[in-house]
Amino acid sequence: MAKTDVSGLSLLGNEVEQPKNPEEAVLEKVPASHSGTEYVVRFTAPEFTSICPMTGQPDFAHIVIDYVPRDWLVESKSLKLYLTSFRNHGAFHEDCTIDIGKRLGDLLDPVWLRIGAYWYPRGGIPIDVFWQTGPAPDGVWIPDQGVQPYRGRG
């Protein structure tokens, strides 16, 4: 069985402070032990929060990130710290979603990546934002993100 090389990581196994904003947050990567094998990695953040840049009120989302690694995996503690760094960050739903997707894409250079952000209603209207790097690779099982569309009281 292949063992993941975790040398050089600064967050894993260490006590670290929560980053104040996404720009300060450190995202780390580790080599993919199964480079050349196409498989899907999924991260789900059902309690993602950010701040509305206009009202200062909190916004909540259920975020699902799927990617097919090439040579790198995102280190999960660094991803958790990065996602929670949005808690006091003022940005629109679209900006948060696309920024997360692009930052992960730049870090990992995956075969494929998608992010689905299912935002809870603001002003009575839910906003869902989806982004991906391109078409999913042939032959890779890409499961449904499993988040129900907002149904209100209906």
N, C-alpha and C. Protein backbone atom coordinates (compact mmCIF):
# COMPACT_ATOMS: atom_id res chain seq x y z
N MET A 1 0.84 -1.18 0.00
CA MET A 1 0.00 0.00 0.00
C MET A 1 0.89 1.24 0.00
N ALA A 2 0.53 2.20 -0.84
CA ALA A 2 1.30 3.45 -0.93
C ALA A 2 1.05 4.31 0.29
N LYS A 3 2.10 4.99 0.74
CA LYS A 3 1.98 5.89 1.88
C LYS A 3 2.14 7.32 1.39
N THR A 4 1.26 8.21 1.84
CA THR A 4 1.31 9.60 1.43
C THR A 4 2.45 10.33 2.12
N ASP A 5 3.24 11.04 1.35
CA ASP A 5 4.35 11.83 1.87
C ASP A 5 3.79 13.13 2.46
N VAL A 6 3.90 13.28 3.77
CA VAL A 6 3.39 14.47 4.43
C VAL A 6 4.52 15.39 4.91
N SER A 7 5.73 15.12 4.45
CA SER A 7 6.85 15.99 4.85
C SER A 7 6.65 17.37 4.24
N GLY A 8 7.04 18.36 4.97
CA GLY A 8 6.94 19.72 4.46
C GLY A 8 5.64 20.43 4.77
N LEU A 9 4.69 19.73 5.40
CA LEU A 9 3.42 20.39 5.75
C LEU A 9 3.61 21.24 7.00
N SER A 10 2.98 22.40 7.02
CA SER A 10 3.15 23.30 8.17
C SER A 10 1.95 23.29 9.12
N LEU A 11 0.81 22.76 8.68
CA LEU A 11 -0.40 22.82 9.50
C LEU A 11 -0.73 21.50 10.18
N LEU A 12 -0.64 20.41 9.43
CA LEU A 12 -1.02 19.10 9.93
C LEU A 12 -0.18 18.72 11.15
N GLY A 13 -0.85 18.37 12.25
CA GLY A 13 -0.16 17.97 13.46
C GLY A 13 0.31 19.12 14.32
N ASN A 14 0.03 20.34 13.89
CA ASN A 14 0.44 21.52 14.65
C ASN A 14 -0.77 22.33 15.07
N GLU A 15 -0.64 22.99 16.21
CA GLU A 15 -1.67 23.91 16.65
C GLU A 15 -1.47 25.23 15.92
N VAL A 16 -2.50 25.66 15.20
CA VAL A 16 -2.39 26.88 14.41
C VAL A 16 -3.60 27.76 14.66
N GLU A 17 -3.42 29.05 14.44
CA GLU A 17 -4.54 29.98 14.58
C GLU A 17 -5.41 29.96 13.33
N GLN A 18 -6.68 30.25 13.53
CA GLN A 18 -7.61 30.36 12.41
C GLN A 18 -7.22 31.57 11.57
N PRO A 19 -7.06 31.41 10.24
CA PRO A 19 -6.76 32.58 9.40
C PRO A 19 -7.89 33.61 9.47
N LYS A 20 -7.52 34.87 9.42
CA LYS A 20 -8.51 35.95 9.52
C LYS A 20 -9.32 36.14 8.24
N ASN A 21 -8.76 35.73 7.09
CA ASN A 21 -9.45 35.88 5.82
C ASN A 21 -8.86 34.88 4.82
N PRO A 22 -9.54 34.67 3.70
CA PRO A 22 -9.06 33.68 2.72
C PRO A 22 -7.69 34.00 2.13
N GLU A 23 -7.36 35.29 2.01
CA GLU A 23 -6.07 35.65 1.44
C GLU A 23 -4.92 35.21 2.33
N GLU A 24 -5.13 35.23 3.65
CA GLU A 24 -4.10 34.82 4.61
C GLU A 24 -4.03 33.30 4.77
N ALA A 25 -5.09 32.60 4.42
CA ALA A 25 -5.16 31.16 4.65
C ALA A 25 -4.15 30.42 3.78
N VAL A 26 -3.51 29.44 4.37
CA VAL A 26 -2.53 28.61 3.67
C VAL A 26 -3.22 27.32 3.24
N LEU A 27 -3.20 27.05 1.95
CA LEU A 27 -3.68 25.77 1.44
C LEU A 27 -2.47 24.92 1.12
N GLU A 28 -2.46 23.69 1.63
CA GLU A 28 -1.33 22.81 1.40
C GLU A 28 -1.75 21.60 0.59
N LYS A 29 -0.77 21.00 -0.06
CA LYS A 29 -1.04 19.83 -0.89
C LYS A 29 -0.04 18.74 -0.56
N VAL A 30 -0.45 17.51 -0.83
CA VAL A 30 0.42 16.35 -0.65
C VAL A 30 0.42 15.57 -1.96
N PRO A 31 1.49 14.82 -2.22
CA PRO A 31 1.51 14.03 -3.45
C PRO A 31 0.40 12.98 -3.45
N ALA A 32 -0.21 12.80 -4.59
CA ALA A 32 -1.23 11.77 -4.75
C ALA A 32 -0.52 10.43 -4.90
N SER A 33 -0.76 9.52 -4.00
CA SER A 33 -0.09 8.22 -4.02
C SER A 33 -0.49 7.37 -5.22
N HIS A 34 -1.63 7.66 -5.80
CA HIS A 34 -2.14 6.88 -6.92
C HIS A 34 -2.17 7.71 -8.20
N SER A 35 -1.14 8.51 -8.39
CA SER A 35 -1.02 9.32 -9.60
C SER A 35 -1.16 8.42 -10.83
N GLY A 36 -1.95 8.86 -11.79
CA GLY A 36 -2.20 8.07 -12.98
C GLY A 36 -3.49 7.27 -12.91
N THR A 37 -4.08 7.14 -11.72
CA THR A 37 -5.36 6.47 -11.54
C THR A 37 -6.43 7.54 -11.39
N GLU A 38 -7.46 7.48 -12.21
CA GLU A 38 -8.51 8.49 -12.12
C GLU A 38 -9.58 8.05 -11.13
N TYR A 39 -9.76 8.87 -10.11
CA TYR A 39 -10.77 8.64 -9.07
C TYR A 39 -11.23 10.01 -8.58
N VAL A 40 -12.36 10.03 -7.90
CA VAL A 40 -12.93 11.29 -7.43
C VAL A 40 -12.70 11.43 -5.93
N VAL A 41 -12.28 12.62 -5.54
CA VAL A 41 -12.18 13.00 -4.13
C VAL A 41 -13.28 14.02 -3.88
N ARG A 42 -14.02 13.84 -2.80
CA ARG A 42 -15.12 14.76 -2.48
C ARG A 42 -14.92 15.33 -1.08
N PHE A 43 -15.10 16.64 -0.98
CA PHE A 43 -15.17 17.33 0.31
C PHE A 43 -16.53 17.99 0.40
N THR A 44 -17.17 17.85 1.55
CA THR A 44 -18.48 18.44 1.76
C THR A 44 -18.40 19.36 2.98
N ALA A 45 -18.82 20.59 2.82
CA ALA A 45 -18.85 21.56 3.92
C ALA A 45 -20.29 22.03 4.08
N PRO A 46 -21.09 21.32 4.88
CA PRO A 46 -22.51 21.64 4.99
C PRO A 46 -22.81 22.87 5.84
N GLU A 47 -21.80 23.43 6.50
CA GLU A 47 -22.02 24.59 7.37
C GLU A 47 -21.10 25.75 7.01
N PHE A 48 -20.86 25.95 5.73
CA PHE A 48 -20.01 27.04 5.27
C PHE A 48 -20.68 28.38 5.58
N THR A 49 -19.90 29.34 6.04
CA THR A 49 -20.44 30.67 6.31
C THR A 49 -19.51 31.75 5.76
N SER A 50 -20.13 32.84 5.37
CA SER A 50 -19.42 34.05 4.97
C SER A 50 -20.29 35.23 5.39
N ILE A 51 -19.88 36.42 5.01
CA ILE A 51 -20.61 37.64 5.39
C ILE A 51 -21.08 38.36 4.13
N CYS A 52 -22.31 38.82 4.15
CA CYS A 52 -22.80 39.65 3.04
C CYS A 52 -22.00 40.95 3.03
N PRO A 53 -21.42 41.31 1.88
CA PRO A 53 -20.60 42.52 1.84
C PRO A 53 -21.42 43.81 1.94
N MET A 54 -22.73 43.72 1.75
CA MET A 54 -23.57 44.91 1.81
C MET A 54 -24.20 45.12 3.18
N THR A 55 -24.69 44.03 3.79
CA THR A 55 -25.42 44.15 5.05
C THR A 55 -24.61 43.74 6.27
N GLY A 56 -23.54 42.96 6.06
CA GLY A 56 -22.77 42.45 7.18
C GLY A 56 -23.41 41.25 7.85
N GLN A 57 -24.54 40.80 7.32
CA GLN A 57 -25.25 39.65 7.90
C GLN A 57 -24.58 38.35 7.43
N PRO A 58 -24.69 37.30 8.23
CA PRO A 58 -24.08 36.03 7.84
C PRO A 58 -24.84 35.35 6.70
N ASP A 59 -24.11 34.68 5.84
CA ASP A 59 -24.67 33.85 4.77
C ASP A 59 -24.20 32.43 5.01
N PHE A 60 -25.05 31.48 4.66
CA PHE A 60 -24.77 30.08 4.92
C PHE A 60 -24.91 29.28 3.64
N ALA A 61 -24.04 28.28 3.47
CA ALA A 61 -24.11 27.44 2.28
C ALA A 61 -23.71 26.01 2.62
N HIS A 62 -24.14 25.11 1.77
CA HIS A 62 -23.70 23.71 1.77
C HIS A 62 -22.83 23.59 0.52
N ILE A 63 -21.54 23.39 0.72
CA ILE A 63 -20.60 23.36 -0.39
C ILE A 63 -20.09 21.94 -0.61
N VAL A 64 -20.07 21.53 -1.88
CA VAL A 64 -19.55 20.22 -2.26
C VAL A 64 -18.46 20.44 -3.31
N ILE A 65 -17.28 19.91 -3.02
CA ILE A 65 -16.13 20.02 -3.93
C ILE A 65 -15.75 18.62 -4.38
N ASP A 66 -15.76 18.39 -5.67
CA ASP A 66 -15.33 17.12 -6.25
C ASP A 66 -14.14 17.39 -7.16
N TYR A 67 -13.13 16.52 -7.10
CA TYR A 67 -12.03 16.65 -8.05
C TYR A 67 -11.40 15.30 -8.36
N VAL A 68 -10.84 15.23 -9.55
CA VAL A 68 -10.07 14.07 -9.98
C VAL A 68 -8.61 14.51 -9.92
N PRO A 69 -7.84 13.96 -8.97
CA PRO A 69 -6.46 14.39 -8.81
C PRO A 69 -5.58 14.02 -10.00
N ARG A 70 -4.57 14.81 -10.20
CA ARG A 70 -3.52 14.47 -11.16
C ARG A 70 -2.32 14.00 -10.33
N ASP A 71 -1.56 14.92 -9.78
CA ASP A 71 -0.38 14.57 -8.99
C ASP A 71 -0.50 14.99 -7.52
N TRP A 72 -1.54 15.77 -7.19
CA TRP A 72 -1.64 16.35 -5.86
C TRP A 72 -3.02 16.15 -5.25
N LEU A 73 -3.04 16.08 -3.91
CA LEU A 73 -4.26 16.09 -3.11
C LEU A 73 -4.21 17.30 -2.20
N VAL A 74 -5.36 17.91 -1.94
CA VAL A 74 -5.36 19.00 -0.97
C VAL A 74 -5.32 18.39 0.42
N GLU A 75 -4.51 18.96 1.28
CA GLU A 75 -4.43 18.48 2.66
C GLU A 75 -5.67 18.97 3.38
N SER A 76 -6.41 18.07 4.02
CA SER A 76 -7.75 18.38 4.50
C SER A 76 -7.79 19.41 5.64
N LYS A 77 -6.81 19.41 6.54
CA LYS A 77 -6.82 20.41 7.61
C LYS A 77 -6.66 21.80 7.03
N SER A 78 -5.78 21.94 6.05
CA SER A 78 -5.59 23.25 5.43
C SER A 78 -6.86 23.69 4.70
N LEU A 79 -7.57 22.75 4.08
CA LEU A 79 -8.82 23.09 3.40
C LEU A 79 -9.86 23.54 4.42
N LYS A 80 -9.95 22.84 5.54
CA LYS A 80 -10.91 23.22 6.57
C LYS A 80 -10.62 24.63 7.09
N LEU A 81 -9.35 24.92 7.36
CA LEU A 81 -8.99 26.26 7.83
C LEU A 81 -9.28 27.32 6.77
N TYR A 82 -8.99 26.98 5.52
CA TYR A 82 -9.27 27.91 4.42
C TYR A 82 -10.77 28.21 4.33
N LEU A 83 -11.59 27.17 4.35
CA LEU A 83 -13.04 27.38 4.24
C LEU A 83 -13.58 28.17 5.43
N THR A 84 -13.10 27.91 6.62
CA THR A 84 -13.60 28.66 7.78
C THR A 84 -13.08 30.09 7.79
N SER A 85 -12.04 30.40 7.01
CA SER A 85 -11.53 31.77 6.95
C SER A 85 -12.52 32.72 6.28
N PHE A 86 -13.53 32.18 5.63
CA PHE A 86 -14.57 33.00 5.00
C PHE A 86 -15.59 33.53 6.01
N ARG A 87 -15.58 33.04 7.24
CA ARG A 87 -16.60 33.40 8.24
C ARG A 87 -16.73 34.90 8.46
N ASN A 88 -15.65 35.61 8.41
CA ASN A 88 -15.69 37.06 8.62
C ASN A 88 -15.32 37.81 7.36
N HIS A 89 -15.45 37.15 6.22
CA HIS A 89 -15.07 37.71 4.93
C HIS A 89 -16.32 38.16 4.18
N GLY A 90 -16.35 39.41 3.80
CA GLY A 90 -17.48 39.93 3.05
C GLY A 90 -17.33 39.69 1.57
N ALA A 91 -18.21 38.87 1.00
CA ALA A 91 -18.17 38.60 -0.43
C ALA A 91 -19.51 38.03 -0.88
N PHE A 92 -19.86 38.29 -2.12
CA PHE A 92 -21.08 37.72 -2.68
C PHE A 92 -20.93 36.22 -2.85
N HIS A 93 -22.06 35.53 -2.92
CA HIS A 93 -22.07 34.07 -3.06
C HIS A 93 -21.22 33.61 -4.24
N GLU A 94 -21.41 34.28 -5.35
CA GLU A 94 -20.69 33.89 -6.57
C GLU A 94 -19.19 34.03 -6.39
N ASP A 95 -18.76 35.12 -5.75
CA ASP A 95 -17.33 35.36 -5.54
C ASP A 95 -16.73 34.29 -4.63
N CYS A 96 -17.40 33.98 -3.52
CA CYS A 96 -16.89 32.94 -2.62
C CYS A 96 -16.72 31.62 -3.36
N THR A 97 -17.75 31.23 -4.08
CA THR A 97 -17.74 29.93 -4.76
C THR A 97 -16.64 29.85 -5.81
N ILE A 98 -16.58 30.83 -6.68
CA ILE A 98 -15.59 30.79 -7.78
C ILE A 98 -14.18 30.94 -7.23
N ASP A 99 -13.99 31.78 -6.20
CA ASP A 99 -12.66 31.93 -5.61
C ASP A 99 -12.16 30.61 -5.03
N ILE A 100 -13.03 29.88 -4.34
CA ILE A 100 -12.64 28.58 -3.77
C ILE A 100 -12.25 27.63 -4.89
N GLY A 101 -13.10 27.53 -5.91
CA GLY A 101 -12.82 26.62 -7.02
C GLY A 101 -11.51 26.95 -7.72
N LYS A 102 -11.30 28.22 -8.03
CA LYS A 102 -10.08 28.61 -8.74
C LYS A 102 -8.83 28.43 -7.90
N ARG A 103 -8.94 28.74 -6.61
CA ARG A 103 -7.75 28.58 -5.74
C ARG A 103 -7.36 27.11 -5.66
N LEU A 104 -8.35 26.23 -5.52
CA LEU A 104 -8.04 24.80 -5.49
C LEU A 104 -7.49 24.33 -6.83
N GLY A 105 -8.08 24.82 -7.91
CA GLY A 105 -7.58 24.46 -9.24
C GLY A 105 -6.15 24.89 -9.45
N ASP A 106 -5.81 26.11 -9.03
CA ASP A 106 -4.44 26.61 -9.17
C ASP A 106 -3.47 25.80 -8.31
N LEU A 107 -3.89 25.43 -7.11
CA LEU A 107 -3.03 24.68 -6.20
C LEU A 107 -2.75 23.27 -6.70
N LEU A 108 -3.80 22.60 -7.16
CA LEU A 108 -3.72 21.17 -7.44
C LEU A 108 -3.48 20.80 -8.89
N ASP A 109 -3.85 21.68 -9.82
CA ASP A 109 -3.83 21.33 -11.24
C ASP A 109 -4.46 19.95 -11.46
N PRO A 110 -5.72 19.78 -11.02
CA PRO A 110 -6.37 18.48 -11.12
C PRO A 110 -6.75 18.15 -12.56
N VAL A 111 -7.05 16.88 -12.80
CA VAL A 111 -7.59 16.47 -14.09
C VAL A 111 -8.93 17.20 -14.29
N TRP A 112 -9.69 17.31 -13.21
CA TRP A 112 -11.02 17.94 -13.27
C TRP A 112 -11.42 18.35 -11.86
N LEU A 113 -12.14 19.45 -11.75
CA LEU A 113 -12.63 19.92 -10.46
C LEU A 113 -13.97 20.61 -10.68
N ARG A 114 -14.88 20.40 -9.73
CA ARG A 114 -16.14 21.13 -9.73
C ARG A 114 -16.48 21.51 -8.30
N ILE A 115 -17.20 22.61 -8.19
CA ILE A 115 -17.70 23.05 -6.90
C ILE A 115 -19.17 23.40 -7.07
N GLY A 116 -19.96 22.90 -6.15
CA GLY A 116 -21.38 23.27 -6.08
C GLY A 116 -21.62 23.94 -4.75
N ALA A 117 -22.13 25.16 -4.77
CA ALA A 117 -22.42 25.90 -3.54
C ALA A 117 -23.91 26.15 -3.49
N TYR A 118 -24.55 25.54 -2.53
CA TYR A 118 -26.00 25.61 -2.37
C TYR A 118 -26.26 26.57 -1.21
N TRP A 119 -26.50 27.83 -1.56
CA TRP A 119 -26.66 28.89 -0.56
C TRP A 119 -28.08 28.92 -0.03
N TYR A 120 -28.19 29.14 1.26
CA TYR A 120 -29.51 29.25 1.88
C TYR A 120 -30.11 30.59 1.49
N PRO A 121 -31.44 30.71 1.53
CA PRO A 121 -32.09 31.91 1.01
C PRO A 121 -31.61 33.20 1.67
N ARG A 122 -31.46 34.20 0.82
CA ARG A 122 -31.19 35.57 1.25
C ARG A 122 -32.30 36.40 0.62
N GLY A 123 -33.08 37.10 1.43
CA GLY A 123 -34.20 37.86 0.90
C GLY A 123 -35.25 36.96 0.27
N GLY A 124 -35.33 35.73 0.75
CA GLY A 124 -36.33 34.80 0.25
C GLY A 124 -35.93 34.05 -1.00
N ILE A 125 -34.71 34.29 -1.53
CA ILE A 125 -34.28 33.64 -2.77
C ILE A 125 -32.98 32.89 -2.52
N PRO A 126 -32.99 31.56 -2.69
CA PRO A 126 -31.73 30.84 -2.60
C PRO A 126 -30.90 31.07 -3.86
N ILE A 127 -29.60 31.09 -3.69
CA ILE A 127 -28.69 31.27 -4.82
C ILE A 127 -27.76 30.06 -4.84
N ASP A 128 -27.79 29.28 -5.90
CA ASP A 128 -26.88 28.16 -6.05
C ASP A 128 -25.86 28.53 -7.12
N VAL A 129 -24.59 28.24 -6.85
CA VAL A 129 -23.51 28.60 -7.77
C VAL A 129 -22.70 27.35 -8.07
N PHE A 130 -22.46 27.11 -9.37
CA PHE A 130 -21.74 25.93 -9.80
C PHE A 130 -20.60 26.35 -10.73
N TRP A 131 -19.44 25.69 -10.59
CA TRP A 131 -18.30 25.99 -11.45
C TRP A 131 -17.48 24.72 -11.60
N GLN A 132 -16.94 24.51 -12.78
CA GLN A 132 -16.02 23.40 -12.98
C GLN A 132 -14.96 23.79 -13.99
N THR A 133 -13.89 23.02 -13.99
CA THR A 133 -12.74 23.34 -14.84
C THR A 133 -12.94 22.93 -16.29
N GLY A 134 -13.89 22.08 -16.57
CA GLY A 134 -14.15 21.59 -17.92
C GLY A 134 -14.98 20.33 -17.83
N PRO A 135 -15.10 19.60 -18.94
CA PRO A 135 -15.89 18.37 -18.90
C PRO A 135 -15.25 17.32 -18.00
N ALA A 136 -16.09 16.53 -17.36
CA ALA A 136 -15.60 15.43 -16.53
C ALA A 136 -14.92 14.39 -17.42
N PRO A 137 -13.88 13.76 -16.92
CA PRO A 137 -13.19 12.75 -17.73
C PRO A 137 -14.09 11.55 -18.01
N ASP A 138 -13.95 10.98 -19.19
CA ASP A 138 -14.71 9.78 -19.54
C ASP A 138 -14.29 8.63 -18.64
N GLY A 139 -15.29 7.83 -18.26
CA GLY A 139 -15.01 6.62 -17.51
C GLY A 139 -14.83 6.80 -16.02
N VAL A 140 -14.92 8.03 -15.51
CA VAL A 140 -14.82 8.27 -14.07
C VAL A 140 -16.22 8.45 -13.51
N TRP A 141 -16.52 7.71 -12.45
CA TRP A 141 -17.84 7.83 -11.83
C TRP A 141 -17.90 9.13 -11.04
N ILE A 142 -18.77 10.02 -11.47
CA ILE A 142 -18.97 11.31 -10.81
C ILE A 142 -20.37 11.27 -10.19
N PRO A 143 -20.46 11.05 -8.88
CA PRO A 143 -21.79 10.96 -8.26
C PRO A 143 -22.48 12.32 -8.21
N ASP A 144 -23.79 12.27 -8.12
CA ASP A 144 -24.59 13.46 -7.89
C ASP A 144 -24.12 14.09 -6.58
N GLN A 145 -24.20 15.40 -6.49
CA GLN A 145 -23.73 16.06 -5.27
C GLN A 145 -24.64 15.82 -4.08
N GLY A 146 -25.83 15.32 -4.30
CA GLY A 146 -26.67 14.88 -3.20
C GLY A 146 -27.34 15.96 -2.38
N VAL A 147 -27.32 17.19 -2.86
CA VAL A 147 -27.94 18.28 -2.12
C VAL A 147 -29.29 18.58 -2.78
N GLN A 148 -30.34 18.50 -2.01
CA GLN A 148 -31.67 18.75 -2.54
C GLN A 148 -31.84 20.22 -2.91
N PRO A 149 -32.52 20.51 -4.01
CA PRO A 149 -32.82 21.91 -4.31
C PRO A 149 -33.71 22.50 -3.23
N TYR A 150 -33.61 23.78 -3.03
CA TYR A 150 -34.40 24.43 -2.00
C TYR A 150 -35.87 24.33 -2.32
N ARG A 151 -36.66 23.89 -1.36
CA ARG A 151 -38.08 23.67 -1.60
C ARG A 151 -38.97 24.59 -0.77
N GLY A 152 -38.40 25.37 0.09
CA GLY A 152 -39.22 26.25 0.93
C GLY A 152 -40.19 25.42 1.74
N ARG A 153 -41.41 25.89 1.82
CA ARG A 153 -42.43 25.19 2.60
C ARG A 153 -43.32 24.33 1.71
N GLY A 154 -43.01 24.25 0.42
CA GLY A 154 -43.86 23.55 -0.54
C GLY A 154 -43.90 22.06 -0.45
